[in-house]
Amino acid sequence: MRRLSRILLAALLVTSLGGCGLLAAPCRVASAVIKIIPVVGHAAAVPTDACAAALDP
């Protein structure tokens, strides 16, 4: 029974993270990290924002 519940939990996680959102996650994380930089962060994050927008419309 415990094994079945683990399998169901794993399946739920995979379906919630699946698709283009999972592929765009590294771009979104990189963009958020770059935006922390004062003054130039938002301008420097434009390419990573474009990457995320292209992967996850």
N, C-alpha and C. Protein backbone atom coordinates (compact mmCIF):
# COMPACT_ATOMS: atom_id res chain seq x y z
N MET A 1 0.82 -1.19 0.00
CA MET A 1 0.00 0.00 0.00
C MET A 1 0.87 1.26 0.00
N ARG A 2 1.94 1.23 0.77
CA ARG A 2 2.83 2.39 0.85
C ARG A 2 3.51 2.65 -0.50
N ARG A 3 3.87 1.57 -1.19
CA ARG A 3 4.52 1.71 -2.49
C ARG A 3 3.56 2.34 -3.50
N LEU A 4 2.31 1.94 -3.47
CA LEU A 4 1.30 2.49 -4.37
C LEU A 4 1.10 3.98 -4.12
N SER A 5 1.08 4.38 -2.87
CA SER A 5 0.90 5.80 -2.57
C SER A 5 2.10 6.62 -3.04
N ARG A 6 3.30 6.04 -2.94
CA ARG A 6 4.49 6.74 -3.44
C ARG A 6 4.43 6.89 -4.96
N ILE A 7 3.99 5.86 -5.63
CA ILE A 7 3.87 5.92 -7.09
C ILE A 7 2.84 6.96 -7.51
N LEU A 8 1.72 7.00 -6.82
CA LEU A 8 0.69 7.99 -7.13
C LEU A 8 1.18 9.41 -6.86
N LEU A 9 1.93 9.60 -5.77
CA LEU A 9 2.48 10.92 -5.48
C LEU A 9 3.48 11.34 -6.55
N ALA A 10 4.33 10.43 -6.99
CA ALA A 10 5.30 10.73 -8.04
C ALA A 10 4.59 11.06 -9.34
N ALA A 11 3.53 10.33 -9.66
CA ALA A 11 2.78 10.61 -10.88
C ALA A 11 2.11 11.99 -10.82
N LEU A 12 1.61 12.34 -9.66
CA LEU A 12 1.01 13.66 -9.49
C LEU A 12 2.03 14.77 -9.67
N LEU A 13 3.22 14.59 -9.11
CA LEU A 13 4.27 15.59 -9.27
C LEU A 13 4.70 15.73 -10.73
N VAL A 14 4.85 14.62 -11.41
CA VAL A 14 5.27 14.66 -12.81
C VAL A 14 4.23 15.36 -13.68
N THR A 15 2.96 15.09 -13.45
CA THR A 15 1.93 15.72 -14.28
C THR A 15 1.79 17.20 -13.97
N SER A 16 2.04 17.59 -12.73
CA SER A 16 1.92 19.02 -12.40
C SER A 16 3.11 19.81 -12.92
N LEU A 17 4.27 19.17 -13.03
CA LEU A 17 5.46 19.87 -13.50
C LEU A 17 5.75 19.60 -14.97
N GLY A 18 4.98 18.76 -15.60
CA GLY A 18 5.25 18.39 -16.97
C GLY A 18 4.96 19.50 -17.96
N GLY A 19 5.34 19.27 -19.19
CA GLY A 19 5.07 20.22 -20.25
C GLY A 19 6.11 21.31 -20.36
N CYS A 20 5.71 22.38 -20.99
CA CYS A 20 6.63 23.47 -21.27
C CYS A 20 7.07 24.23 -20.01
N GLY A 21 6.25 24.22 -18.99
CA GLY A 21 6.61 24.91 -17.75
C GLY A 21 7.88 24.36 -17.14
N LEU A 22 8.07 23.06 -17.24
CA LEU A 22 9.27 22.43 -16.71
C LEU A 22 10.49 22.83 -17.53
N LEU A 23 10.34 22.94 -18.83
CA LEU A 23 11.45 23.35 -19.68
C LEU A 23 11.81 24.82 -19.48
N ALA A 24 10.84 25.66 -19.18
CA ALA A 24 11.08 27.09 -19.01
C ALA A 24 11.59 27.43 -17.62
N ALA A 25 11.53 26.51 -16.69
CA ALA A 25 11.94 26.79 -15.30
C ALA A 25 13.38 27.28 -15.18
N PRO A 26 14.36 26.66 -15.84
CA PRO A 26 15.73 27.19 -15.71
C PRO A 26 15.87 28.63 -16.22
N CYS A 27 15.15 28.97 -17.28
CA CYS A 27 15.19 30.34 -17.79
C CYS A 27 14.57 31.30 -16.79
N ARG A 28 13.48 30.91 -16.18
CA ARG A 28 12.81 31.77 -15.21
C ARG A 28 13.66 31.95 -13.95
N VAL A 29 14.30 30.89 -13.50
CA VAL A 29 15.17 30.99 -12.31
C VAL A 29 16.37 31.88 -12.62
N ALA A 30 16.99 31.69 -13.76
CA ALA A 30 18.13 32.53 -14.14
C ALA A 30 17.72 33.99 -14.24
N SER A 31 16.56 34.24 -14.80
CA SER A 31 16.06 35.61 -14.91
C SER A 31 15.86 36.23 -13.53
N ALA A 32 15.29 35.48 -12.61
CA ALA A 32 15.06 36.00 -11.26
C ALA A 32 16.37 36.31 -10.56
N VAL A 33 17.38 35.46 -10.75
CA VAL A 33 18.68 35.69 -10.13
C VAL A 33 19.34 36.93 -10.73
N ILE A 34 19.27 37.08 -12.04
CA ILE A 34 19.89 38.23 -12.70
C ILE A 34 19.20 39.53 -12.29
N LYS A 35 17.90 39.50 -12.10
CA LYS A 35 17.16 40.71 -11.74
C LYS A 35 17.51 41.24 -10.35
N ILE A 36 18.18 40.44 -9.54
CA ILE A 36 18.60 40.87 -8.21
C ILE A 36 19.71 41.91 -8.31
N ILE A 37 20.49 41.87 -9.37
CA ILE A 37 21.62 42.79 -9.54
C ILE A 37 21.10 44.22 -9.64
N PRO A 38 21.59 45.10 -8.78
CA PRO A 38 21.12 46.50 -8.82
C PRO A 38 21.47 47.19 -10.14
N VAL A 39 20.66 48.11 -10.54
CA VAL A 39 20.80 49.00 -11.69
C VAL A 39 20.64 48.27 -13.03
N VAL A 40 21.43 47.26 -13.33
CA VAL A 40 21.40 46.63 -14.65
C VAL A 40 20.67 45.30 -14.69
N GLY A 41 20.17 44.84 -13.57
CA GLY A 41 19.57 43.52 -13.49
C GLY A 41 18.41 43.31 -14.44
N HIS A 42 17.47 44.24 -14.47
CA HIS A 42 16.29 44.06 -15.32
C HIS A 42 16.65 44.11 -16.80
N ALA A 43 17.56 44.97 -17.16
CA ALA A 43 17.99 45.05 -18.56
C ALA A 43 18.78 43.79 -18.96
N ALA A 44 19.60 43.29 -18.06
CA ALA A 44 20.40 42.10 -18.36
C ALA A 44 19.55 40.83 -18.41
N ALA A 45 18.38 40.86 -17.79
CA ALA A 45 17.53 39.67 -17.75
C ALA A 45 16.61 39.55 -18.96
N VAL A 46 16.65 40.49 -19.86
CA VAL A 46 15.76 40.46 -21.03
C VAL A 46 15.95 39.19 -21.86
N PRO A 47 17.19 38.75 -22.15
CA PRO A 47 17.33 37.51 -22.94
C PRO A 47 16.75 36.27 -22.23
N THR A 48 16.93 36.17 -20.91
CA THR A 48 16.38 35.01 -20.22
C THR A 48 14.86 35.08 -20.13
N ASP A 49 14.31 36.28 -20.04
CA ASP A 49 12.85 36.44 -20.10
C ASP A 49 12.31 36.00 -21.45
N ALA A 50 13.04 36.35 -22.51
CA ALA A 50 12.64 35.96 -23.86
C ALA A 50 12.72 34.44 -24.02
N CYS A 51 13.73 33.83 -23.42
CA CYS A 51 13.87 32.37 -23.46
C CYS A 51 12.65 31.72 -22.81
N ALA A 52 12.28 32.18 -21.64
CA ALA A 52 11.14 31.62 -20.92
C ALA A 52 9.83 31.85 -21.69
N ALA A 53 9.69 33.02 -22.28
CA ALA A 53 8.48 33.32 -23.04
C ALA A 53 8.38 32.44 -24.30
N ALA A 54 9.51 32.15 -24.91
CA ALA A 54 9.50 31.30 -26.11
C ALA A 54 9.15 29.85 -25.79
N LEU A 55 9.62 29.38 -24.63
CA LEU A 55 9.35 27.99 -24.25
C LEU A 55 7.96 27.78 -23.67
N ASP A 56 7.44 28.79 -22.97
CA ASP A 56 6.18 28.66 -22.27
C ASP A 56 5.28 29.84 -22.63
N PRO A 57 4.63 29.78 -23.80
CA PRO A 57 3.83 30.95 -24.24
C PRO A 57 2.59 31.19 -23.41
